[in-house]
Amino acid sequence: MGRKPKSEEERVANRIEDLRTRANLSRQELAEQVGVHYQTIGYIERSEYSPSLVLALRIASVLETSIEEIFWLEEENDV
Protein backbone atom coordinates (compact mmCIF):
# COMPACT_ATOMS: atom_id res chain seq x y z
CA MET A 1 0.00 0.00 0.00
CA GLY A 2 1.75 3.18 -1.20
CA ARG A 3 1.26 6.84 -0.52
CA LYS A 4 -1.16 8.69 -2.79
CA PRO A 5 0.49 11.51 -4.75
CA LYS A 6 -0.66 14.94 -3.66
CA SER A 7 -2.59 17.05 -6.10
CA GLU A 8 -0.87 20.17 -7.38
CA GLU A 9 -2.74 22.54 -5.07
CA GLU A 10 -1.69 20.52 -2.02
CA ARG A 11 2.05 20.41 -2.71
CA VAL A 12 4.27 22.30 -0.31
CA ALA A 13 7.83 22.89 -1.50
CA ASN A 14 10.66 23.32 0.96
CA ARG A 15 14.35 23.99 1.49
CA ILE A 16 14.79 21.69 4.49
CA GLU A 17 17.52 19.54 2.96
CA ASP A 18 19.59 22.58 1.96
CA LEU A 19 19.17 24.31 5.33
CA ARG A 20 19.73 21.08 7.25
CA THR A 21 22.96 20.43 5.33
CA ARG A 22 24.16 23.98 5.96
CA ALA A 23 23.48 23.46 9.67
CA ASN A 24 25.54 20.25 9.47
CA LEU A 25 22.61 18.13 10.67
CA SER A 26 21.66 14.66 9.50
CA ARG A 27 18.01 13.74 9.01
CA GLN A 28 18.26 11.72 12.21
CA GLU A 29 19.63 14.68 14.19
CA LEU A 30 16.97 17.07 12.91
CA ALA A 31 14.27 14.49 13.58
CA GLU A 32 15.45 14.00 17.16
CA GLN A 33 15.48 17.74 17.79
CA VAL A 34 11.93 18.25 16.48
CA GLY A 35 10.52 15.02 17.93
CA VAL A 36 9.70 12.93 14.86
CA HIS A 37 11.04 9.81 13.15
CA TYR A 38 13.90 10.46 10.71
CA GLN A 39 11.80 9.06 7.85
CA THR A 40 9.27 11.85 8.44
CA ILE A 41 12.00 14.39 7.66
CA GLY A 42 12.73 12.50 4.43
CA TYR A 43 9.05 12.52 3.45
CA ILE A 44 8.85 16.26 4.10
CA GLU A 45 12.08 16.96 2.17
CA ARG A 46 10.68 15.09 -0.85
CA SER A 47 7.32 16.92 -0.54
CA GLU A 48 5.57 13.60 0.05
CA TYR A 49 4.20 14.85 3.37
CA SER A 50 3.17 18.34 4.48
CA PRO A 51 4.06 19.02 8.11
CA SER A 52 1.60 20.36 10.65
CA LEU A 53 2.02 23.98 11.65
CA VAL A 54 3.53 22.90 14.98
CA LEU A 55 6.09 20.68 13.25
CA ALA A 56 6.91 23.41 10.71
CA LEU A 57 7.51 25.84 13.59
CA ARG A 58 9.76 23.33 15.36
CA ILE A 59 11.77 22.76 12.18
CA ALA A 60 12.13 26.51 11.64
CA SER A 61 13.28 26.96 15.23
CA VAL A 62 15.94 24.24 15.00
CA LEU A 63 17.15 25.59 11.64
CA GLU A 64 17.08 29.12 13.09
CA THR A 65 15.01 30.65 10.31
CA SER A 66 11.41 31.58 9.51
CA ILE A 67 8.79 29.22 8.14
CA GLU A 68 8.60 31.38 5.01
CA GLU A 69 12.29 30.72 4.32
CA ILE A 70 11.67 26.97 4.47
CA PHE A 71 8.18 26.32 3.05
CA TRP A 72 6.08 27.72 0.23
CA LEU A 73 3.13 26.57 -1.86
CA GLU A 74 4.32 25.03 -5.09
CA GLU A 75 2.81 26.75 -8.10
CA GLU A 76 1.50 24.64 -10.97
CA ASN A 77 4.23 25.94 -13.29
CA ASP A 78 6.96 25.07 -10.71
CA VAL A 79 6.28 21.34 -11.09
PDB file of N, CA and C in Angstrom:
ATOM      1  N   MET A   1       0.855  -1.167   0.000  1.00  0.00           N
ATOM      2  CA  MET A   1       0.000   0.000   0.000  1.00  0.00           C
ATOM      3  C   MET A   1       0.905   1.235   0.000  1.00  0.00           C
ATOM      4  N   GLY A   2       0.903   2.005  -1.086  1.00  0.00           N
ATOM      5  CA  GLY A   2       1.755   3.178  -1.198  1.00  0.00           C
ATOM      6  C   GLY A   2       1.033   4.468  -0.850  1.00  0.00           C
ATOM      7  N   ARG A   3       1.823   5.522  -0.797  1.00  0.00           N
ATOM      8  CA  ARG A   3       1.257   6.843  -0.521  1.00  0.00           C
ATOM      9  C   ARG A   3       0.622   7.392  -1.792  1.00  0.00           C
ATOM     10  N   LYS A   4      -0.512   8.054  -1.651  1.00  0.00           N
ATOM     11  CA  LYS A   4      -1.163   8.689  -2.787  1.00  0.00           C
ATOM     12  C   LYS A   4      -0.427   9.982  -3.111  1.00  0.00           C
ATOM     13  N   PRO A   5      -0.164  10.240  -4.403  1.00  0.00           N
ATOM     14  CA  PRO A   5       0.491  11.509  -4.746  1.00  0.00           C
ATOM     15  C   PRO A   5      -0.441  12.680  -4.440  1.00  0.00           C
ATOM     16  N   LYS A   6       0.132  13.746  -3.977  1.00  0.00           N
ATOM     17  CA  LYS A   6      -0.660  14.936  -3.661  1.00  0.00           C
ATOM     18  C   LYS A   6      -1.038  15.652  -4.953  1.00  0.00           C
ATOM     19  N   SER A   7      -2.199  16.264  -4.948  1.00  0.00           N
ATOM     20  CA  SER A   7      -2.586  17.054  -6.103  1.00  0.00           C
ATOM     21  C   SER A   7      -1.750  18.323  -6.118  1.00  0.00           C
ATOM     22  N   GLU A   8      -1.707  18.991  -7.221  1.00  0.00           N
ATOM     23  CA  GLU A   8      -0.866  20.174  -7.383  1.00  0.00           C
ATOM     24  C   GLU A   8      -1.147  21.239  -6.332  1.00  0.00           C
ATOM     25  N   GLU A   9      -2.414  21.485  -6.015  1.00  0.00           N
ATOM     26  CA  GLU A   9      -2.736  22.544  -5.074  1.00  0.00           C
ATOM     27  C   GLU A   9      -2.373  22.198  -3.635  1.00  0.00           C
ATOM     28  N   GLU A  10      -2.059  20.934  -3.364  1.00  0.00           N
ATOM     29  CA  GLU A  10      -1.693  20.522  -2.017  1.00  0.00           C
ATOM     30  C   GLU A  10      -0.184  20.462  -1.804  1.00  0.00           C
ATOM     31  N   ARG A  11       0.602  20.582  -2.839  1.00  0.00           N
ATOM     32  CA  ARG A  11       2.048  20.406  -2.710  1.00  0.00           C
ATOM     33  C   ARG A  11       2.700  21.603  -2.019  1.00  0.00           C
ATOM     34  N   VAL A  12       3.510  21.287  -1.035  1.00  0.00           N
ATOM     35  CA  VAL A  12       4.266  22.300  -0.307  1.00  0.00           C
ATOM     36  C   VAL A  12       5.742  22.043  -0.590  1.00  0.00           C
ATOM     37  N   ALA A  13       6.395  23.004  -1.212  1.00  0.00           N
ATOM     38  CA  ALA A  13       7.826  22.889  -1.498  1.00  0.00           C
ATOM     39  C   ALA A  13       8.611  23.348  -0.273  1.00  0.00           C
ATOM     40  N   ASN A  14       9.869  22.934  -0.197  1.00  0.00           N
ATOM     41  CA  ASN A  14      10.664  23.322   0.964  1.00  0.00           C
ATOM     42  C   ASN A  14      12.155  23.316   0.667  1.00  0.00           C
ATOM     43  N   ARG A  15      12.897  23.931   1.577  1.00  0.00           N
ATOM     44  CA  ARG A  15      14.349  23.988   1.494  1.00  0.00           C
ATOM     45  C   ARG A  15      14.981  23.269   2.682  1.00  0.00           C
ATOM     46  N   ILE A  16      14.285  22.328   3.278  1.00  0.00           N
ATOM     47  CA  ILE A  16      14.790  21.686   4.487  1.00  0.00           C
ATOM     48  C   ILE A  16      16.144  21.021   4.247  1.00  0.00           C
ATOM     49  N   GLU A  17      16.261  20.260   3.185  1.00  0.00           N
ATOM     50  CA  GLU A  17      17.524  19.543   2.957  1.00  0.00           C
ATOM     51  C   GLU A  17      18.695  20.513   2.858  1.00  0.00           C
ATOM     52  N   ASP A  18      18.527  21.584   2.104  1.00  0.00           N
ATOM     53  CA  ASP A  18      19.586  22.584   1.957  1.00  0.00           C
ATOM     54  C   ASP A  18      19.937  23.219   3.303  1.00  0.00           C
ATOM     55  N   LEU A  19      18.932  23.663   4.035  1.00  0.00           N
ATOM     56  CA  LEU A  19      19.169  24.313   5.326  1.00  0.00           C
ATOM     57  C   LEU A  19      19.718  23.332   6.363  1.00  0.00           C
ATOM     58  N   ARG A  20      19.244  22.108   6.327  1.00  0.00           N
ATOM     59  CA  ARG A  20      19.729  21.079   7.248  1.00  0.00           C
ATOM     60  C   ARG A  20      21.201  20.788   6.984  1.00  0.00           C
ATOM     61  N   THR A  21      21.567  20.677   5.711  1.00  0.00           N
ATOM     62  CA  THR A  21      22.963  20.426   5.335  1.00  0.00           C
ATOM     63  C   THR A  21      23.852  21.582   5.762  1.00  0.00           C
ATOM     64  N   ARG A  22      23.385  22.809   5.544  1.00  0.00           N
ATOM     65  CA  ARG A  22      24.159  23.980   5.963  1.00  0.00           C
ATOM     66  C   ARG A  22      24.365  24.016   7.475  1.00  0.00           C
ATOM     67  N   ALA A  23      23.380  23.508   8.216  1.00  0.00           N
ATOM     68  CA  ALA A  23      23.477  23.460   9.675  1.00  0.00           C
ATOM     69  C   ALA A  23      24.269  22.237  10.144  1.00  0.00           C
ATOM     70  N   ASN A  24      24.756  21.449   9.177  1.00  0.00           N
ATOM     71  CA  ASN A  24      25.537  20.251   9.466  1.00  0.00           C
ATOM     72  C   ASN A  24      24.763  19.251  10.320  1.00  0.00           C
ATOM     73  N   LEU A  25      23.484  19.068   9.970  1.00  0.00           N
ATOM     74  CA  LEU A  25      22.614  18.128  10.672  1.00  0.00           C
ATOM     75  C   LEU A  25      22.215  16.994   9.740  1.00  0.00           C
ATOM     76  N   SER A  26      22.191  15.787  10.258  1.00  0.00           N
ATOM     77  CA  SER A  26      21.655  14.661   9.499  1.00  0.00           C
ATOM     78  C   SER A  26      20.134  14.675   9.648  1.00  0.00           C
ATOM     79  N   ARG A  27      19.465  13.864   8.855  1.00  0.00           N
ATOM     80  CA  ARG A  27      18.011  13.736   9.014  1.00  0.00           C
ATOM     81  C   ARG A  27      17.689  13.235  10.415  1.00  0.00           C
ATOM     82  N   GLN A  28      18.474  12.281  10.872  1.00  0.00           N
ATOM     83  CA  GLN A  28      18.256  11.723  12.211  1.00  0.00           C
ATOM     84  C   GLN A  28      18.383  12.801  13.284  1.00  0.00           C
ATOM     85  N   GLU A  29      19.415  13.630  13.191  1.00  0.00           N
ATOM     86  CA  GLU A  29      19.628  14.678  14.191  1.00  0.00           C
ATOM     87  C   GLU A  29      18.501  15.705  14.189  1.00  0.00           C
ATOM     88  N   LEU A  30      18.085  16.126  12.995  1.00  0.00           N
ATOM     89  CA  LEU A  30      16.970  17.074  12.915  1.00  0.00           C
ATOM     90  C   LEU A  30      15.704  16.438  13.475  1.00  0.00           C
ATOM     91  N   ALA A  31      15.463  15.194  13.102  1.00  0.00           N
ATOM     92  CA  ALA A  31      14.270  14.488  13.584  1.00  0.00           C
ATOM     93  C   ALA A  31      14.251  14.416  15.105  1.00  0.00           C
ATOM     94  N   GLU A  32      15.378  14.086  15.703  1.00  0.00           N
ATOM     95  CA  GLU A  32      15.445  13.998  17.161  1.00  0.00           C
ATOM     96  C   GLU A  32      15.151  15.355  17.806  1.00  0.00           C
ATOM     97  N   GLN A  33      15.667  16.408  17.206  1.00  0.00           N
ATOM     98  CA  GLN A  33      15.476  17.739  17.790  1.00  0.00           C
ATOM     99  C   GLN A  33      14.040  18.237  17.668  1.00  0.00           C
ATOM    100  N   VAL A  34      13.318  17.798  16.633  1.00  0.00           N
ATOM    101  CA  VAL A  34      11.929  18.250  16.479  1.00  0.00           C
ATOM    102  C   VAL A  34      10.915  17.215  16.970  1.00  0.00           C
ATOM    103  N   GLY A  35      11.396  16.019  17.343  1.00  0.00           N
ATOM    104  CA  GLY A  35      10.516  15.020  17.933  1.00  0.00           C
ATOM    105  C   GLY A  35       9.735  14.161  16.967  1.00  0.00           C
ATOM    106  N   VAL A  36      10.345  13.832  15.822  1.00  0.00           N
ATOM    107  CA  VAL A  36       9.700  12.933  14.860  1.00  0.00           C
ATOM    108  C   VAL A  36      10.685  11.848  14.432  1.00  0.00           C
ATOM    109  N   HIS A  37      10.196  10.861  13.698  1.00  0.00           N
ATOM    110  CA  HIS A  37      11.037   9.809  13.148  1.00  0.00           C
ATOM    111  C   HIS A  37      11.841  10.389  11.984  1.00  0.00           C
ATOM    112  N   TYR A  38      13.069   9.908  11.787  1.00  0.00           N
ATOM    113  CA  TYR A  38      13.903  10.457  10.711  1.00  0.00           C
ATOM    114  C   TYR A  38      13.269  10.285   9.339  1.00  0.00           C
ATOM    115  N   GLN A  39      12.459   9.243   9.144  1.00  0.00           N
ATOM    116  CA  GLN A  39      11.800   9.056   7.849  1.00  0.00           C
ATOM    117  C   GLN A  39      10.794  10.174   7.571  1.00  0.00           C
ATOM    118  N   THR A  40      10.200  10.727   8.622  1.00  0.00           N
ATOM    119  CA  THR A  40       9.273  11.848   8.443  1.00  0.00           C
ATOM    120  C   THR A  40       9.995  13.029   7.815  1.00  0.00           C
ATOM    121  N   ILE A  41      11.222  13.301   8.251  1.00  0.00           N
ATOM    122  CA  ILE A  41      12.002  14.391   7.662  1.00  0.00           C
ATOM    123  C   ILE A  41      12.244  14.104   6.185  1.00  0.00           C
ATOM    124  N   GLY A  42      12.545  12.871   5.838  1.00  0.00           N
ATOM    125  CA  GLY A  42      12.728  12.498   4.431  1.00  0.00           C
ATOM    126  C   GLY A  42      11.469  12.717   3.610  1.00  0.00           C
ATOM    127  N   TYR A  43      10.324  12.316   4.151  1.00  0.00           N
ATOM    128  CA  TYR A  43       9.052  12.525   3.446  1.00  0.00           C
ATOM    129  C   TYR A  43       8.791  14.010   3.220  1.00  0.00           C
ATOM    130  N   ILE A  44       9.069  14.810   4.229  1.00  0.00           N
ATOM    131  CA  ILE A  44       8.853  16.257   4.102  1.00  0.00           C
ATOM    132  C   ILE A  44       9.811  16.832   3.066  1.00  0.00           C
ATOM    133  N   GLU A  45      11.091  16.447   3.128  1.00  0.00           N
ATOM    134  CA  GLU A  45      12.079  16.962   2.170  1.00  0.00           C
ATOM    135  C   GLU A  45      11.691  16.653   0.732  1.00  0.00           C
ATOM    136  N   ARG A  46      11.091  15.493   0.510  1.00  0.00           N
ATOM    137  CA  ARG A  46      10.684  15.094  -0.845  1.00  0.00           C
ATOM    138  C   ARG A  46       9.272  15.568  -1.197  1.00  0.00           C
ATOM    139  N   SER A  47       8.688  16.397  -0.352  1.00  0.00           N
ATOM    140  CA  SER A  47       7.324  16.923  -0.542  1.00  0.00           C
ATOM    141  C   SER A  47       6.279  15.816  -0.647  1.00  0.00           C
ATOM    142  N   GLU A  48       6.526  14.696   0.014  1.00  0.00           N
ATOM    143  CA  GLU A  48       5.568  13.604   0.054  1.00  0.00           C
ATOM    144  C   GLU A  48       4.635  13.744   1.249  1.00  0.00           C
ATOM    145  N   TYR A  49       4.978  14.639   2.152  1.00  0.00           N
ATOM    146  CA  TYR A  49       4.196  14.854   3.374  1.00  0.00           C
ATOM    147  C   TYR A  49       4.307  16.325   3.742  1.00  0.00           C
ATOM    148  N   SER A  50       3.180  16.938   4.040  1.00  0.00           N
ATOM    149  CA  SER A  50       3.175  18.336   4.485  1.00  0.00           C
ATOM    150  C   SER A  50       3.101  18.352   6.004  1.00  0.00           C
ATOM    151  N   PRO A  51       4.046  19.027   6.644  1.00  0.00           N
ATOM    152  CA  PRO A  51       4.057  19.022   8.110  1.00  0.00           C
ATOM    153  C   PRO A  51       2.924  19.857   8.692  1.00  0.00           C
ATOM    154  N   SER A  52       2.560  19.532   9.924  1.00  0.00           N
ATOM    155  CA  SER A  52       1.603  20.363  10.646  1.00  0.00           C
ATOM    156  C   SER A  52       2.261  21.706  10.932  1.00  0.00           C
ATOM    157  N   LEU A  53       1.475  22.670  11.308  1.00  0.00           N
ATOM    158  CA  LEU A  53       2.017  23.984  11.649  1.00  0.00           C
ATOM    159  C   LEU A  53       2.993  23.875  12.816  1.00  0.00           C
ATOM    160  N   VAL A  54       2.652  23.070  13.817  1.00  0.00           N
ATOM    161  CA  VAL A  54       3.532  22.904  14.979  1.00  0.00           C
ATOM    162  C   VAL A  54       4.873  22.315  14.550  1.00  0.00           C
ATOM    163  N   LEU A  55       4.844  21.283  13.713  1.00  0.00           N
ATOM    164  CA  LEU A  55       6.091  20.677  13.251  1.00  0.00           C
ATOM    165  C   LEU A  55       6.891  21.657  12.398  1.00  0.00           C
ATOM    166  N   ALA A  56       6.213  22.409  11.538  1.00  0.00           N
ATOM    167  CA  ALA A  56       6.906  23.412  10.714  1.00  0.00           C
ATOM    168  C   ALA A  56       7.589  24.453  11.598  1.00  0.00           C
ATOM    169  N   LEU A  57       6.916  24.875  12.661  1.00  0.00           N
ATOM    170  CA  LEU A  57       7.507  25.842  13.586  1.00  0.00           C
ATOM    171  C   LEU A  57       8.712  25.246  14.313  1.00  0.00           C
ATOM    172  N   ARG A  58       8.621  23.990  14.695  1.00  0.00           N
ATOM    173  CA  ARG A  58       9.760  23.331  15.358  1.00  0.00           C
ATOM    174  C   ARG A  58      10.950  23.237  14.411  1.00  0.00           C
ATOM    175  N   ILE A  59      10.696  22.859  13.170  1.00  0.00           N
ATOM    176  CA  ILE A  59      11.773  22.760  12.177  1.00  0.00           C
ATOM    177  C   ILE A  59      12.422  24.126  11.978  1.00  0.00           C
ATOM    178  N   ALA A  60      11.609  25.156  11.819  1.00  0.00           N
ATOM    179  CA  ALA A  60      12.134  26.509  11.635  1.00  0.00           C
ATOM    180  C   ALA A  60      12.973  26.932  12.831  1.00  0.00           C
ATOM    181  N   SER A  61      12.544  26.596  14.022  1.00  0.00           N
ATOM    182  CA  SER A  61      13.279  26.955  15.232  1.00  0.00           C
ATOM    183  C   SER A  61      14.646  26.275  15.262  1.00  0.00           C
ATOM    184  N   VAL A  62      14.669  24.981  14.992  1.00  0.00           N
ATOM    185  CA  VAL A  62      15.938  24.241  14.996  1.00  0.00           C
ATOM    186  C   VAL A  62      16.873  24.770  13.908  1.00  0.00           C
ATOM    187  N   LEU A  63      16.324  25.088  12.744  1.00  0.00           N
ATOM    188  CA  LEU A  63      17.152  25.590  11.640  1.00  0.00           C
ATOM    189  C   LEU A  63      17.405  27.094  11.738  1.00  0.00           C
ATOM    190  N   GLU A  64      16.873  27.706  12.793  1.00  0.00           N
ATOM    191  CA  GLU A  64      17.082  29.123  13.094  1.00  0.00           C
ATOM    192  C   GLU A  64      16.727  30.042  11.918  1.00  0.00           C
ATOM    193  N   THR A  65      15.512  29.825  11.405  1.00  0.00           N
ATOM    194  CA  THR A  65      15.009  30.651  10.315  1.00  0.00           C
ATOM    195  C   THR A  65      13.490  30.719  10.409  1.00  0.00           C
ATOM    196  N   SER A  66      12.876  31.451   9.503  1.00  0.00           N
ATOM    197  CA  SER A  66      11.413  31.577   9.506  1.00  0.00           C
ATOM    198  C   SER A  66      10.783  30.469   8.666  1.00  0.00           C
ATOM    199  N   ILE A  67       9.529  30.210   8.938  1.00  0.00           N
ATOM    200  CA  ILE A  67       8.792  29.221   8.143  1.00  0.00           C
ATOM    201  C   ILE A  67       8.802  29.608   6.670  1.00  0.00           C
ATOM    202  N   GLU A  68       8.655  30.917   6.400  1.00  0.00           N
ATOM    203  CA  GLU A  68       8.604  31.383   5.011  1.00  0.00           C
ATOM    204  C   GLU A  68       9.896  31.120   4.258  1.00  0.00           C
ATOM    205  N   GLU A  69      11.010  31.023   4.965  1.00  0.00           N
ATOM    206  CA  GLU A  69      12.292  30.716   4.320  1.00  0.00           C
ATOM    207  C   GLU A  69      12.421  29.230   4.011  1.00  0.00           C
ATOM    208  N   ILE A  70      11.584  28.420   4.641  1.00  0.00           N
ATOM    209  CA  ILE A  70      11.666  26.967   4.469  1.00  0.00           C
ATOM    210  C   ILE A  70      10.579  26.437   3.539  1.00  0.00           C
ATOM    211  N   PHE A  71       9.340  26.881   3.758  1.00  0.00           N
ATOM    212  CA  PHE A  71       8.183  26.315   3.049  1.00  0.00           C
ATOM    213  C   PHE A  71       7.483  27.349   2.178  1.00  0.00           C
ATOM    214  N   TRP A  72       6.928  26.883   1.072  1.00  0.00           N
ATOM    215  CA  TRP A  72       6.078  27.716   0.231  1.00  0.00           C
ATOM    216  C   TRP A  72       5.164  26.794  -0.581  1.00  0.00           C
ATOM    217  N   LEU A  73       4.043  27.347  -1.019  1.00  0.00           N
ATOM    218  CA  LEU A  73       3.132  26.573  -1.864  1.00  0.00           C
ATOM    219  C   LEU A  73       3.731  26.472  -3.253  1.00  0.00           C
ATOM    220  N   GLU A  74       3.759  25.272  -3.766  1.00  0.00           N
ATOM    221  CA  GLU A  74       4.325  25.032  -5.085  1.00  0.00           C
ATOM    222  C   GLU A  74       3.301  25.416  -6.146  1.00  0.00           C
ATOM    223  N   GLU A  75       3.691  26.313  -7.018  1.00  0.00           N
ATOM    224  CA  GLU A  75       2.810  26.746  -8.097  1.00  0.00           C
ATOM    225  C   GLU A  75       2.755  25.667  -9.170  1.00  0.00           C
ATOM    226  N   GLU A  76       1.674  25.645  -9.924  1.00  0.00           N
ATOM    227  CA  GLU A  76       1.496  24.644 -10.969  1.00  0.00           C
ATOM    228  C   GLU A  76       2.655  24.668 -11.967  1.00  0.00           C
ATOM    229  N   ASN A  77       3.155  25.850 -12.316  1.00  0.00           N
ATOM    230  CA  ASN A  77       4.232  25.937 -13.288  1.00  0.00           C
ATOM    231  C   ASN A  77       5.602  25.648 -12.691  1.00  0.00           C
ATOM    232  N   ASP A  78       5.706  25.449 -11.355  1.00  0.00           N
ATOM    233  CA  ASP A  78       6.957  25.071 -10.707  1.00  0.00           C
ATOM    234  C   ASP A  78       7.217  23.582 -10.807  1.00  0.00           C
ATOM    235  N   VAL A  79       6.178  22.803 -11.114  1.00  0.00           N
ATOM    236  CA  VAL A  79       6.281  21.345 -11.088  1.00  0.00           C
ATOM    237  C   VAL A  79       7.018  20.827 -12.294  1.00  0.00           C
TER     238      VAL A  79
END
